[in-house]
Amino acid sequence: MNRLQARAAVASALAGVGFDLIVQGAPDSFGGAHMVAVIISAGTERAQLARNTSEDINSIIVSIYVQRAANGSSTTEDSLDALALATIAAIDALDTSIVFARSDAGSGGAPNRRIDGQMYRVERIGFTIRNEGV
């Protein structure tokens, strides 16, 4: 599975997760959407397995954006947590060659971003796509 195929498959898998907007690539605007998934390619690495056999390891990142609640309530964090777990589960169920790799939320929490004049919390979730025998 190449990166284009992986992005398309992931976008399809995320359709039932509850996002208001799912985008492949970097959008200019979220158009007022509250919960957004942005799917991007994040590079390819080739690993030599044997003399004439290698494996391409493609990476994609799903960035989850949740518009912050105006009153600062914990609903934003709860929504971000739920969407992150649902995203990982949906992609895990998609194809065994797509493997959860990492998330950048960490102990410090996910960063904030201002988009379209609104504040969003964002969590980046990385996945690797293994293609043996290339």
Protein backbone atom coordinates (compact mmCIF):
# COMPACT_ATOMS: atom_id res chain seq x y z
CA MET A 1 0.00 0.00 0.00
CA ASN A 2 1.52 3.33 -1.03
CA ARG A 3 0.98 6.61 0.80
CA LEU A 4 -1.82 7.78 -1.50
CA GLN A 5 -3.70 4.51 -1.00
CA ALA A 6 -3.09 4.65 2.76
CA ARG A 7 -4.43 8.23 3.05
CA ALA A 8 -7.55 7.29 1.08
CA ALA A 9 -8.12 4.15 3.16
CA VAL A 10 -7.66 6.05 6.42
CA ALA A 11 -10.05 8.81 5.28
CA SER A 12 -12.64 6.15 4.49
CA ALA A 13 -12.13 4.42 7.86
CA LEU A 14 -12.54 7.71 9.73
CA ALA A 15 -15.90 8.48 8.09
CA GLY A 16 -17.77 6.75 10.90
CA VAL A 17 -15.74 8.17 13.80
CA GLY A 18 -17.68 11.42 14.24
CA PHE A 19 -15.56 14.10 12.57
CA ASP A 20 -17.29 17.14 11.05
CA LEU A 21 -14.57 17.35 8.39
CA ILE A 22 -11.95 14.88 7.11
CA VAL A 23 -9.24 16.34 4.86
CA GLN A 24 -6.28 14.80 3.04
CA GLY A 25 -3.49 17.36 2.97
CA ALA A 26 -3.22 20.76 4.62
CA PRO A 27 -6.49 22.73 4.38
CA ASP A 28 -6.59 26.53 4.20
CA SER A 29 -9.66 26.64 6.42
CA PHE A 30 -11.84 24.40 8.56
CA GLY A 31 -14.98 26.27 7.51
CA GLY A 32 -16.31 26.41 11.06
CA ALA A 33 -16.11 22.64 11.66
CA HIS A 34 -15.69 21.72 15.33
CA MET A 35 -13.99 18.31 15.02
CA VAL A 36 -11.55 17.87 12.14
CA ALA A 37 -9.19 15.11 10.97
CA VAL A 38 -6.29 16.10 8.71
CA ILE A 39 -4.43 13.23 7.05
CA ILE A 40 -0.93 13.83 5.67
CA SER A 41 1.97 11.73 4.41
CA ALA A 42 5.00 11.79 6.67
CA GLY A 43 7.75 10.16 4.63
CA THR A 44 9.02 6.77 3.51
CA GLU A 45 11.90 4.68 4.77
CA ARG A 46 13.35 1.62 3.02
CA ALA A 47 14.70 -1.16 5.22
CA GLN A 48 16.96 -3.84 3.72
CA LEU A 49 15.66 -7.24 4.87
CA ALA A 50 18.03 -9.48 2.88
CA ARG A 51 20.37 -9.20 -0.09
CA ASN A 52 17.59 -8.75 -2.67
CA THR A 53 14.65 -7.97 -0.42
CA SER A 54 13.65 -4.68 1.14
CA GLU A 55 10.62 -3.27 2.86
CA ASP A 56 9.15 0.19 2.36
CA ILE A 57 7.86 1.73 5.57
CA ASN A 58 5.55 4.64 4.79
CA SER A 59 4.28 6.98 7.48
CA ILE A 60 1.12 9.01 7.73
CA ILE A 61 -0.11 11.35 10.42
CA VAL A 62 -3.69 11.99 11.42
CA SER A 63 -4.01 15.32 13.20
CA ILE A 64 -7.17 15.67 15.24
CA TYR A 65 -8.45 19.20 15.84
CA VAL A 66 -11.20 19.90 18.36
CA GLN A 67 -12.52 23.44 18.74
CA ARG A 68 -12.04 24.59 22.33
CA ALA A 69 -15.09 25.27 24.44
CA ALA A 70 -15.55 29.00 25.05
CA ASN A 71 -15.95 28.50 28.78
CA GLY A 72 -12.80 26.41 29.13
CA SER A 73 -14.70 23.31 30.25
CA SER A 74 -13.23 19.83 30.07
CA THR A 75 -15.52 18.84 27.19
CA THR A 76 -12.77 19.72 24.71
CA GLU A 77 -10.33 17.34 26.39
CA ASP A 78 -12.99 14.64 26.64
CA SER A 79 -13.82 15.02 22.94
CA LEU A 80 -10.14 14.96 21.96
CA ASP A 81 -9.54 11.82 24.02
CA ALA A 82 -12.58 10.06 22.57
CA LEU A 83 -11.70 10.98 18.98
CA ALA A 84 -8.07 9.88 19.44
CA LEU A 85 -9.12 6.48 20.78
CA ALA A 86 -11.76 6.05 18.06
CA THR A 87 -9.26 7.06 15.36
CA ILE A 88 -6.69 4.52 16.53
CA ALA A 89 -9.35 1.79 16.78
CA ALA A 90 -10.77 2.54 13.30
CA ILE A 91 -7.35 2.46 11.67
CA ASP A 92 -6.26 -0.64 13.63
CA ALA A 93 -9.34 -2.42 12.25
CA LEU A 94 -8.66 -1.21 8.71
CA ASP A 95 -5.60 -3.22 7.66
CA THR A 96 -2.92 -5.14 9.55
CA SER A 97 -0.18 -3.38 7.55
CA ILE A 98 -1.17 0.01 9.08
CA VAL A 99 0.19 0.14 12.62
CA PHE A 100 -0.24 2.79 15.34
CA ALA A 101 3.20 4.28 16.03
CA ARG A 102 2.91 7.29 18.30
CA SER A 103 0.89 10.23 19.55
CA ASP A 104 2.28 13.62 20.51
CA ALA A 105 -0.18 14.40 23.31
CA GLY A 106 2.27 13.14 25.98
CA SER A 107 2.29 14.29 29.57
CA GLY A 108 2.22 17.97 28.62
CA GLY A 109 -1.04 17.66 26.70
CA ALA A 110 -1.79 18.51 23.10
CA PRO A 111 -0.97 22.01 21.83
CA ASN A 112 -3.45 24.73 20.92
CA ARG A 113 -3.78 26.20 17.43
CA ARG A 114 -5.71 29.24 16.19
CA ILE A 115 -7.48 28.46 12.91
CA ASP A 116 -10.13 30.65 11.28
CA GLY A 117 -10.06 32.83 14.41
CA GLN A 118 -11.02 29.88 16.64
CA MET A 119 -8.85 28.04 19.15
CA TYR A 120 -8.42 24.30 18.59
CA ARG A 121 -6.72 21.58 20.58
CA VAL A 122 -4.70 19.27 18.36
CA GLU A 123 -3.27 15.80 18.74
CA ARG A 124 -1.06 14.24 16.07
CA ILE A 125 -1.27 10.45 15.74
CA GLY A 126 1.37 8.69 13.67
CA PHE A 127 0.94 5.41 11.82
CA THR A 128 3.39 3.31 9.83
CA ILE A 129 2.46 1.29 6.75
CA ARG A 130 4.65 -1.74 6.20
CA ASN A 131 5.03 -3.14 2.68
CA GLU A 132 7.22 -6.25 2.73
CA GLY A 133 9.04 -7.69 -0.24
CA VAL A 134 9.39 -4.56 -2.40
